[in-house]
């Protein structure tokens, strides 16, 4: 689902309002945004890149989501976007390139007072259907949903047909907690007793350390388990750029393949992937 024209116009206005930077007057800020899952690791990468390239400024906008970032790059409002999914059929003719650079465990996160340590698809479906209402210690379960068109919602639905149907029921139930962005979801989970909702290991490591990721069917969402295939739920983060990137964009992409960037990506809760075309 594409970002609306008014939202895209807001991005363009925000970019135009950025003050000029001291240093190289010819260097335009490198404008980046995308899925909220990536913002924490991107901040670390941007800081490291700017130390290597003091004449280049990286500007990170608030999350636009995967679809918003893809369209914003196509329209020229962003130089680089970050997507948490491959291109949809309607996006494949926009003249863009998608480069996978990281894989992170997709997790179900809970607040600090939830005592549960693991969950599986059948139990999760019961929570989404509203059949399981409390945790084993009696605490009320507060499920946090993401919008129907969001990547994370699609990911949960794809886990199993049972979860697909359960998510649809949850979406149609009154009184549900809804988080518009990954950052909103993290904040809502952190302040809501008994909460559970979708997240990623990289977001928990870089932004919401008060939350805890549940094991999936008893398997902890560690990078070691992801690398071995023992942990099956994964979100791949992708750079999105125009087919003919500017020198500044190409410079940042080249940095993303460096040993320094790969160390940053891994320390932020991801398995680094050598940037390469991915659909």
C-alpha atoms as a PDB file:
ATOM      1  CA  UNK A   1       0.000   0.000   0.000  1.00  0.00           C
ATOM      2  CA  UNK A   2       1.544   3.323  -1.058  1.00  0.00           C
ATOM      3  CA  UNK A   3       1.965   6.357   1.178  1.00  0.00           C
ATOM      4  CA  UNK A   4      -0.587   9.056   0.447  1.00  0.00           C
ATOM      5  CA  UNK A   5       0.331  12.155  -1.528  1.00  0.00           C
ATOM      6  CA  UNK A   6      -0.180  14.411   1.504  1.00  0.00           C
ATOM      7  CA  UNK A   7       2.239  12.312   3.575  1.00  0.00           C
ATOM      8  CA  UNK A   8       4.801  12.356   0.779  1.00  0.00           C
ATOM      9  CA  UNK A   9       4.397  16.141   0.476  1.00  0.00           C
ATOM     10  CA  UNK A  10       5.110  16.416   4.221  1.00  0.00           C
ATOM     11  CA  UNK A  11       8.391  14.572   3.686  1.00  0.00           C
ATOM     12  CA  UNK A  12       9.365  16.945   0.879  1.00  0.00           C
ATOM     13  CA  UNK A  13       8.526  19.984   3.018  1.00  0.00           C
ATOM     14  CA  UNK A  14      10.571  18.607   5.907  1.00  0.00           C
ATOM     15  CA  UNK A  15      13.555  17.988   3.637  1.00  0.00           C
ATOM     16  CA  UNK A  16      13.349  21.488   2.224  1.00  0.00           C
ATOM     17  CA  UNK A  17      13.269  22.956   5.730  1.00  0.00           C
ATOM     18  CA  UNK A  18      16.541  21.383   6.852  1.00  0.00           C
ATOM     19  CA  UNK A  19      19.191  24.029   7.533  1.00  0.00           C
ATOM     20  CA  UNK A  20      22.363  24.131   5.492  1.00  0.00           C
ATOM     21  CA  UNK A  21      25.264  22.260   7.099  1.00  0.00           C
ATOM     22  CA  UNK A  22      28.645  23.694   7.947  1.00  0.00           C
ATOM     23  CA  UNK A  23      31.519  22.166   5.976  1.00  0.00           C
ATOM     24  CA  UNK A  24      31.307  21.342   2.296  1.00  0.00           C
ATOM     25  CA  UNK A  25      28.595  23.663   0.919  1.00  0.00           C
ATOM     26  CA  UNK A  26      28.164  21.437  -2.117  1.00  0.00           C
ATOM     27  CA  UNK A  27      27.351  18.334  -0.062  1.00  0.00           C
ATOM     28  CA  UNK A  28      23.625  17.746   0.093  1.00  0.00           C
ATOM     29  CA  UNK A  29      22.260  15.770   3.058  1.00  0.00           C
ATOM     30  CA  UNK A  30      21.747  12.095   2.348  1.00  0.00           C
ATOM     31  CA  UNK A  31      18.074  11.581   3.168  1.00  0.00           C
ATOM     32  CA  UNK A  32      17.098   8.170   4.538  1.00  0.00           C
ATOM     33  CA  UNK A  33      13.955   6.688   6.066  1.00  0.00           C
ATOM     34  CA  UNK A  34      11.938   3.516   5.953  1.00  0.00           C
ATOM     35  CA  UNK A  35      10.677   0.707   8.120  1.00  0.00           C
ATOM     36  CA  UNK A  36      10.867   1.534  11.804  1.00  0.00           C
ATOM     37  CA  UNK A  37      12.634  -1.762  12.496  1.00  0.00           C
ATOM     38  CA  UNK A  38      15.756  -0.337  10.858  1.00  0.00           C
ATOM     39  CA  UNK A  39      15.982   3.118  12.448  1.00  0.00           C
ATOM     40  CA  UNK A  40      18.071   2.096  15.459  1.00  0.00           C
ATOM     41  CA  UNK A  41      20.775   0.352  13.465  1.00  0.00           C
ATOM     42  CA  UNK A  42      20.675   3.119  10.843  1.00  0.00           C
ATOM     43  CA  UNK A  43      21.485   5.733  13.495  1.00  0.00           C
ATOM     44  CA  UNK A  44      24.605   3.775  14.417  1.00  0.00           C
ATOM     45  CA  UNK A  45      25.570   3.301  10.782  1.00  0.00           C
ATOM     46  CA  UNK A  46      24.986   6.975   9.974  1.00  0.00           C
ATOM     47  CA  UNK A  47      27.211   8.090  12.862  1.00  0.00           C
ATOM     48  CA  UNK A  48      30.028   5.815  11.720  1.00  0.00           C
ATOM     49  CA  UNK A  49      29.654   6.851   8.076  1.00  0.00           C
ATOM     50  CA  UNK A  50      29.782  10.563   8.897  1.00  0.00           C
ATOM     51  CA  UNK A  51      33.000  10.053  10.884  1.00  0.00           C
ATOM     52  CA  UNK A  52      34.524   8.509   7.758  1.00  0.00           C
ATOM     53  CA  UNK A  53      33.034  11.220   5.516  1.00  0.00           C
ATOM     54  CA  UNK A  54      32.966  14.472   7.537  1.00  0.00           C
ATOM     55  CA  UNK A  55      31.770  16.464   4.537  1.00  0.00           C
ATOM     56  CA  UNK A  56      28.635  14.319   4.121  1.00  0.00           C
ATOM     57  CA  UNK A  57      25.571  14.653   6.349  1.00  0.00           C
ATOM     58  CA  UNK A  58      23.082  11.819   6.800  1.00  0.00           C
ATOM     59  CA  UNK A  59      19.542  12.860   7.716  1.00  0.00           C
ATOM     60  CA  UNK A  60      17.278  10.183   9.177  1.00  0.00           C
ATOM     61  CA  UNK A  61      13.565  10.939   8.977  1.00  0.00           C
ATOM     62  CA  UNK A  62      10.959   9.309  11.236  1.00  0.00           C
ATOM     63  CA  UNK A  63       9.612   5.994   9.999  1.00  0.00           C
ATOM     64  CA  UNK A  64       7.652   6.052   6.743  1.00  0.00           C
ATOM     65  CA  UNK A  65       7.192   2.290   6.650  1.00  0.00           C
ATOM     66  CA  UNK A  66       8.375   0.100   3.802  1.00  0.00           C
ATOM     67  CA  UNK A  67       5.743   1.205   1.280  1.00  0.00           C
ATOM     68  CA  UNK A  68       6.196   4.884   2.116  1.00  0.00           C
ATOM     69  CA  UNK A  69       9.961   4.687   1.778  1.00  0.00           C
ATOM     70  CA  UNK A  70       9.774   2.905  -1.570  1.00  0.00           C
ATOM     71  CA  UNK A  71       7.456   5.506  -3.021  1.00  0.00           C
ATOM     72  CA  UNK A  72       9.432   8.391  -1.503  1.00  0.00           C
ATOM     73  CA  UNK A  73      12.627   7.133  -3.180  1.00  0.00           C
ATOM     74  CA  UNK A  74      10.775   6.767  -6.483  1.00  0.00           C
ATOM     75  CA  UNK A  75       9.465  10.338  -6.174  1.00  0.00           C
ATOM     76  CA  UNK A  76      12.871  11.759  -5.217  1.00  0.00           C
ATOM     77  CA  UNK A  77      11.864  12.750  -1.671  1.00  0.00           C
ATOM     78  CA  UNK A  78      14.419  10.283  -0.235  1.00  0.00           C
ATOM     79  CA  UNK A  79      17.853   9.256  -1.443  1.00  0.00           C
ATOM     80  CA  UNK A  80      17.730   5.871   0.271  1.00  0.00           C
ATOM     81  CA  UNK A  81      14.837   3.916   1.703  1.00  0.00           C
ATOM     82  CA  UNK A  82      14.834   0.899   3.986  1.00  0.00           C
ATOM     83  CA  UNK A  83      12.228  -1.788   3.382  1.00  0.00           C
ATOM     84  CA  UNK A  84      11.338  -4.788   5.488  1.00  0.00           C
ATOM     85  CA  UNK A  85       9.981  -6.736   2.521  1.00  0.00           C
ATOM     86  CA  UNK A  86      10.628  -7.355  -1.184  1.00  0.00           C
ATOM     87  CA  UNK A  87       9.010  -5.163  -3.811  1.00  0.00           C
ATOM     88  CA  UNK A  88       5.338  -5.759  -4.479  1.00  0.00           C
ATOM     89  CA  UNK A  89       4.345  -6.358  -8.127  1.00  0.00           C
ATOM     90  CA  UNK A  90       3.170  -2.748  -8.490  1.00  0.00           C
ATOM     91  CA  UNK A  91       6.553  -1.469  -7.243  1.00  0.00           C
ATOM     92  CA  UNK A  92       8.734  -3.444  -9.642  1.00  0.00           C
ATOM     93  CA  UNK A  93       8.343  -0.939 -12.473  1.00  0.00           C
ATOM     94  CA  UNK A  94       9.448   2.113 -10.472  1.00  0.00           C
ATOM     95  CA  UNK A  95      13.068   1.896 -11.619  1.00  0.00           C
ATOM     96  CA  UNK A  96      14.359   1.027  -8.161  1.00  0.00           C
ATOM     97  CA  UNK A  97      16.909  -1.456  -6.856  1.00  0.00           C
ATOM     98  CA  UNK A  98      16.561  -3.410  -3.598  1.00  0.00           C
ATOM     99  CA  UNK A  99      19.720  -4.523  -1.760  1.00  0.00           C
ATOM    100  CA  UNK A 100      19.413  -6.864   1.220  1.00  0.00           C
ATOM    101  CA  UNK A 101      21.891  -5.913   3.973  1.00  0.00           C
ATOM    102  CA  UNK A 102      20.678  -7.513   7.218  1.00  0.00           C
ATOM    103  CA  UNK A 103      18.564 -10.334   8.640  1.00  0.00           C
ATOM    104  CA  UNK A 104      17.087  -9.992  12.115  1.00  0.00           C
ATOM    105  CA  UNK A 105      14.888 -12.322  14.178  1.00  0.00           C
ATOM    106  CA  UNK A 106      11.217 -11.362  13.972  1.00  0.00           C
ATOM    107  CA  UNK A 107       9.953 -11.698  17.529  1.00  0.00           C
ATOM    108  CA  UNK A 108       6.942 -11.363  19.770  1.00  0.00           C
ATOM    109  CA  UNK A 109       7.914  -8.954  22.515  1.00  0.00           C
ATOM    110  CA  UNK A 110       6.424  -8.599  25.978  1.00  0.00           C
ATOM    111  CA  UNK A 111       6.639  -5.993  28.685  1.00  0.00           C
ATOM    112  CA  UNK A 112       9.051  -6.320  31.615  1.00  0.00           C
ATOM    113  CA  UNK A 113       6.508  -7.802  34.046  1.00  0.00           C
ATOM    114  CA  UNK A 114       5.246 -10.614  31.816  1.00  0.00           C
ATOM    115  CA  UNK A 115       6.538 -13.937  33.198  1.00  0.00           C
ATOM    116  CA  UNK A 116       6.010 -16.057  30.058  1.00  0.00           C
ATOM    117  CA  UNK A 117       9.226 -17.071  28.305  1.00  0.00           C
ATOM    118  CA  UNK A 118       8.061 -18.834  25.135  1.00  0.00           C
ATOM    119  CA  UNK A 119       5.135 -18.969  22.745  1.00  0.00           C
ATOM    120  CA  UNK A 120       4.097 -20.965  19.679  1.00  0.00           C
ATOM    121  CA  UNK A 121       1.671 -20.480  16.802  1.00  0.00           C
ATOM    122  CA  UNK A 122      -1.300 -22.292  18.392  1.00  0.00           C
ATOM    123  CA  UNK A 123      -1.064 -20.339  21.654  1.00  0.00           C
ATOM    124  CA  UNK A 124      -0.506 -17.082  19.780  1.00  0.00           C
ATOM    125  CA  UNK A 125      -3.584 -17.740  17.642  1.00  0.00           C
ATOM    126  CA  UNK A 126      -5.661 -18.206  20.787  1.00  0.00           C
ATOM    127  CA  UNK A 127      -4.458 -14.815  22.020  1.00  0.00           C
ATOM    128  CA  UNK A 128      -5.320 -13.142  18.701  1.00  0.00           C
ATOM    129  CA  UNK A 129      -8.753 -14.800  18.703  1.00  0.00           C
ATOM    130  CA  UNK A 130      -9.415 -13.527  22.232  1.00  0.00           C
ATOM    131  CA  UNK A 131      -9.724 -17.028  23.690  1.00  0.00           C
ATOM    132  CA  UNK A 132      -6.666 -16.783  25.972  1.00  0.00           C
ATOM    133  CA  UNK A 133      -7.105 -13.651  28.042  1.00  0.00           C
ATOM    134  CA  UNK A 134      -4.495 -13.975  30.799  1.00  0.00           C
ATOM    135  CA  UNK A 135      -0.881 -15.012  31.240  1.00  0.00           C
ATOM    136  CA  UNK A 136      -0.134 -18.054  33.450  1.00  0.00           C
ATOM    137  CA  UNK A 137       0.289 -15.781  36.498  1.00  0.00           C
ATOM    138  CA  UNK A 138      -3.189 -14.289  35.968  1.00  0.00           C
ATOM    139  CA  UNK A 139      -2.064 -10.986  34.419  1.00  0.00           C
ATOM    140  CA  UNK A 140      -4.408  -9.735  31.711  1.00  0.00           C
ATOM    141  CA  UNK A 141      -2.988 -10.091  28.195  1.00  0.00           C
ATOM    142  CA  UNK A 142      -2.960  -6.863  26.191  1.00  0.00           C
ATOM    143  CA  UNK A 143      -2.360  -7.592  22.522  1.00  0.00           C
ATOM    144  CA  UNK A 144      -0.861  -4.752  20.471  1.00  0.00           C
ATOM    145  CA  UNK A 145      -1.817  -4.827  16.792  1.00  0.00           C
ATOM    146  CA  UNK A 146      -0.217  -3.179  13.780  1.00  0.00           C
ATOM    147  CA  UNK A 147      -2.285  -1.725  10.902  1.00  0.00           C
ATOM    148  CA  UNK A 148      -3.852  -4.162   8.480  1.00  0.00           C
ATOM    149  CA  UNK A 149      -1.538  -3.153   5.594  1.00  0.00           C
ATOM    150  CA  UNK A 150       1.636  -3.132   7.689  1.00  0.00           C
ATOM    151  CA  UNK A 151       4.532  -5.483   6.912  1.00  0.00           C
ATOM    152  CA  UNK A 152       4.512  -6.910  10.446  1.00  0.00           C
ATOM    153  CA  UNK A 153       0.823  -7.754  10.225  1.00  0.00           C
ATOM    154  CA  UNK A 154       1.419  -9.556   6.943  1.00  0.00           C
ATOM    155  CA  UNK A 155       4.322 -11.408   8.529  1.00  0.00           C
ATOM    156  CA  UNK A 156       2.208 -12.656  11.446  1.00  0.00           C
ATOM    157  CA  UNK A 157      -0.569 -13.733   9.098  1.00  0.00           C
ATOM    158  CA  UNK A 158       1.890 -15.678   6.960  1.00  0.00           C
ATOM    159  CA  UNK A 159       3.092 -17.829   9.861  1.00  0.00           C
ATOM    160  CA  UNK A 160       0.124 -20.180   9.570  1.00  0.00           C
ATOM    161  CA  UNK A 161      -3.440 -20.292   8.196  1.00  0.00           C
ATOM    162  CA  UNK A 162      -4.681 -20.428  11.789  1.00  0.00           C
ATOM    163  CA  UNK A 163      -2.875 -17.197  12.648  1.00  0.00           C
ATOM    164  CA  UNK A 164      -4.075 -15.582   9.432  1.00  0.00           C
ATOM    165  CA  UNK A 165      -7.688 -16.153  10.475  1.00  0.00           C
ATOM    166  CA  UNK A 166      -6.969 -15.159  14.086  1.00  0.00           C
ATOM    167  CA  UNK A 167      -5.411 -11.843  13.059  1.00  0.00           C
ATOM    168  CA  UNK A 168      -8.505 -11.036  11.008  1.00  0.00           C
ATOM    169  CA  UNK A 169     -10.689 -11.649  14.054  1.00  0.00           C
ATOM    170  CA  UNK A 170      -8.469  -9.413  16.194  1.00  0.00           C
ATOM    171  CA  UNK A 171      -8.606  -6.625  13.617  1.00  0.00           C
ATOM    172  CA  UNK A 172     -12.407  -6.643  13.784  1.00  0.00           C
ATOM    173  CA  UNK A 173     -12.636  -6.735  17.576  1.00  0.00           C
ATOM    174  CA  UNK A 174     -13.449  -3.518  19.445  1.00  0.00           C
ATOM    175  CA  UNK A 175     -11.115  -2.044  22.038  1.00  0.00           C
ATOM    176  CA  UNK A 176      -7.857  -3.394  20.594  1.00  0.00           C
ATOM    177  CA  UNK A 177      -4.566  -1.535  21.002  1.00  0.00           C
ATOM    178  CA  UNK A 178      -3.202  -0.359  17.640  1.00  0.00           C
ATOM    179  CA  UNK A 179       0.322   0.983  16.988  1.00  0.00           C
ATOM    180  CA  UNK A 180       0.869   2.891  13.746  1.00  0.00           C
ATOM    181  CA  UNK A 181       4.666   2.466  13.577  1.00  0.00           C
ATOM    182  CA  UNK A 182       7.342   0.176  14.983  1.00  0.00           C
ATOM    183  CA  UNK A 183       8.371   2.922  17.394  1.00  0.00           C
ATOM    184  CA  UNK A 184       4.761   3.426  18.541  1.00  0.00           C
ATOM    185  CA  UNK A 185       4.505  -0.323  19.059  1.00  0.00           C
ATOM    186  CA  UNK A 186       7.630  -0.428  21.214  1.00  0.00           C
ATOM    187  CA  UNK A 187       6.441   2.451  23.358  1.00  0.00           C
ATOM    188  CA  UNK A 188       2.969   0.953  23.753  1.00  0.00           C
ATOM    189  CA  UNK A 189       4.381  -2.438  24.721  1.00  0.00           C
ATOM    190  CA  UNK A 190       6.724  -0.846  27.251  1.00  0.00           C
ATOM    191  CA  UNK A 191       4.018   1.096  29.073  1.00  0.00           C
ATOM    192  CA  UNK A 192       1.167  -1.441  28.939  1.00  0.00           C
ATOM    193  CA  UNK A 193       1.069  -4.146  31.638  1.00  0.00           C
ATOM    194  CA  UNK A 194       0.663  -7.654  30.215  1.00  0.00           C
ATOM    195  CA  UNK A 195       1.429  -6.534  26.665  1.00  0.00           C
ATOM    196  CA  UNK A 196       2.539  -8.629  23.710  1.00  0.00           C
ATOM    197  CA  UNK A 197       3.135  -7.592  20.126  1.00  0.00           C
ATOM    198  CA  UNK A 198       5.395  -8.013  17.084  1.00  0.00           C
ATOM    199  CA  UNK A 199       8.909  -6.585  16.961  1.00  0.00           C
ATOM    200  CA  UNK A 200      12.436  -7.488  15.893  1.00  0.00           C
ATOM    201  CA  UNK A 201      15.598  -8.269  17.775  1.00  0.00           C
ATOM    202  CA  UNK A 202      17.349  -5.272  16.224  1.00  0.00           C
ATOM    203  CA  UNK A 203      14.688  -2.877  17.517  1.00  0.00           C
ATOM    204  CA  UNK A 204      14.855  -4.373  21.001  1.00  0.00           C
ATOM    205  CA  UNK A 205      18.655  -4.088  21.027  1.00  0.00           C
ATOM    206  CA  UNK A 206      18.815  -0.524  19.695  1.00  0.00           C
ATOM    207  CA  UNK A 207      15.666   1.127  21.053  1.00  0.00           C
ATOM    208  CA  UNK A 208      13.482  -0.772  23.523  1.00  0.00           C
ATOM    209  CA  UNK A 209      15.727  -2.663  25.930  1.00  0.00           C
ATOM    210  CA  UNK A 210      12.990  -2.757  28.595  1.00  0.00           C
ATOM    211  CA  UNK A 211      11.101  -5.260  26.419  1.00  0.00           C
ATOM    212  CA  UNK A 212      11.851  -8.967  26.211  1.00  0.00           C
ATOM    213  CA  UNK A 213      11.565 -11.261  23.213  1.00  0.00           C
ATOM    214  CA  UNK A 214       9.749 -14.554  23.744  1.00  0.00           C
ATOM    215  CA  UNK A 215      11.311 -17.769  22.510  1.00  0.00           C
ATOM    216  CA  UNK A 216       9.432 -19.342  19.589  1.00  0.00           C
ATOM    217  CA  UNK A 217       8.428 -22.919  20.385  1.00  0.00           C
ATOM    218  CA  UNK A 218      11.194 -22.925  22.973  1.00  0.00           C
ATOM    219  CA  UNK A 219      13.916 -21.600  20.628  1.00  0.00           C
ATOM    220  CA  UNK A 220      15.484 -18.293  21.686  1.00  0.00           C
ATOM    221  CA  UNK A 221      15.675 -15.560  18.990  1.00  0.00           C
ATOM    222  CA  UNK A 222      19.470 -15.291  19.016  1.00  0.00           C
ATOM    223  CA  UNK A 223      21.689 -14.597  16.030  1.00  0.00           C
ATOM    224  CA  UNK A 224      23.281 -18.004  16.508  1.00  0.00           C
ATOM    225  CA  UNK A 225      19.897 -19.721  16.278  1.00  0.00           C
ATOM    226  CA  UNK A 226      18.939 -17.592  13.283  1.00  0.00           C
ATOM    227  CA  UNK A 227      22.178 -18.453  11.490  1.00  0.00           C
ATOM    228  CA  UNK A 228      21.724 -22.175  12.109  1.00  0.00           C
ATOM    229  CA  UNK A 229      18.082 -22.129  11.011  1.00  0.00           C
ATOM    230  CA  UNK A 230      16.856 -23.209  14.453  1.00  0.00           C
ATOM    231  CA  UNK A 231      14.957 -19.915  14.840  1.00  0.00           C
ATOM    232  CA  UNK A 232      12.610 -19.696  11.831  1.00  0.00           C
ATOM    233  CA  UNK A 233      11.127 -16.172  11.984  1.00  0.00           C
ATOM    234  CA  UNK A 234      13.267 -13.608  10.164  1.00  0.00           C
ATOM    235  CA  UNK A 235      12.835 -10.120   8.752  1.00  0.00           C
ATOM    236  CA  UNK A 236      15.238  -9.057   6.002  1.00  0.00           C
ATOM    237  CA  UNK A 237      16.156  -5.371   5.824  1.00  0.00           C
ATOM    238  CA  UNK A 238      16.785  -3.940   2.356  1.00  0.00           C
ATOM    239  CA  UNK A 239      18.286  -0.740   1.035  1.00  0.00           C
ATOM    240  CA  UNK A 240      16.097   0.809  -1.676  1.00  0.00           C
ATOM    241  CA  UNK A 241      17.569   3.240  -4.177  1.00  0.00           C
ATOM    242  CA  UNK A 242      17.072   4.477  -7.705  1.00  0.00           C
ATOM    243  CA  UNK A 243      18.576   2.463 -10.529  1.00  0.00           C
ATOM    244  CA  UNK A 244      21.209   5.117 -11.185  1.00  0.00           C
ATOM    245  CA  UNK A 245      22.355   6.156  -7.701  1.00  0.00           C
ATOM    246  CA  UNK A 246      24.135   9.413  -7.007  1.00  0.00           C
ATOM    247  CA  UNK A 247      27.750   9.358  -5.902  1.00  0.00           C
ATOM    248  CA  UNK A 248      26.651  10.013  -2.303  1.00  0.00           C
ATOM    249  CA  UNK A 249      24.210   7.101  -2.329  1.00  0.00           C
ATOM    250  CA  UNK A 250      26.802   4.777  -3.870  1.00  0.00           C
ATOM    251  CA  UNK A 251      29.323   5.865  -1.242  1.00  0.00           C
ATOM    252  CA  UNK A 252      26.919   4.927   1.567  1.00  0.00           C
ATOM    253  CA  UNK A 253      26.101   1.590  -0.082  1.00  0.00           C
ATOM    254  CA  UNK A 254      29.820   0.850  -0.421  1.00  0.00           C
ATOM    255  CA  UNK A 255      30.265   1.639   3.281  1.00  0.00           C
ATOM    256  CA  UNK A 256      27.455  -0.772   4.116  1.00  0.00           C
ATOM    257  CA  UNK A 257      29.583  -3.596   2.720  1.00  0.00           C
ATOM    258  CA  UNK A 258      32.631  -2.685   4.809  1.00  0.00           C
ATOM    259  CA  UNK A 259      33.840  -4.752   7.802  1.00  0.00           C
ATOM    260  CA  UNK A 260      33.093  -1.785  10.095  1.00  0.00           C
ATOM    261  CA  UNK A 261      29.477  -1.564   8.947  1.00  0.00           C
ATOM    262  CA  UNK A 262      29.014  -5.322   9.215  1.00  0.00           C
ATOM    263  CA  UNK A 263      30.229  -5.223  12.828  1.00  0.00           C
ATOM    264  CA  UNK A 264      27.766  -2.423  13.589  1.00  0.00           C
ATOM    265  CA  UNK A 265      24.915  -4.345  11.965  1.00  0.00           C
ATOM    266  CA  UNK A 266      25.703  -7.479  13.974  1.00  0.00           C
ATOM    267  CA  UNK A 267      26.089  -5.683  17.296  1.00  0.00           C
ATOM    268  CA  UNK A 268      22.669  -4.141  16.654  1.00  0.00           C
ATOM    269  CA  UNK A 269      20.950  -7.532  16.572  1.00  0.00           C
ATOM    270  CA  UNK A 270      21.263  -8.538  12.914  1.00  0.00           C
ATOM    271  CA  UNK A 271      23.087 -11.036  10.764  1.00  0.00           C
ATOM    272  CA  UNK A 272      24.889  -8.873   8.200  1.00  0.00           C
ATOM    273  CA  UNK A 273      24.296  -9.621   4.536  1.00  0.00           C
ATOM    274  CA  UNK A 274      26.671  -8.450   1.832  1.00  0.00           C
ATOM    275  CA  UNK A 275      24.602  -5.827  -0.033  1.00  0.00           C
ATOM    276  CA  UNK A 276      23.370  -7.576  -3.176  1.00  0.00           C
ATOM    277  CA  UNK A 277      20.261  -7.280  -5.346  1.00  0.00           C
ATOM    278  CA  UNK A 278      17.250  -8.986  -3.764  1.00  0.00           C
ATOM    279  CA  UNK A 279      13.637  -9.047  -4.886  1.00  0.00           C
END
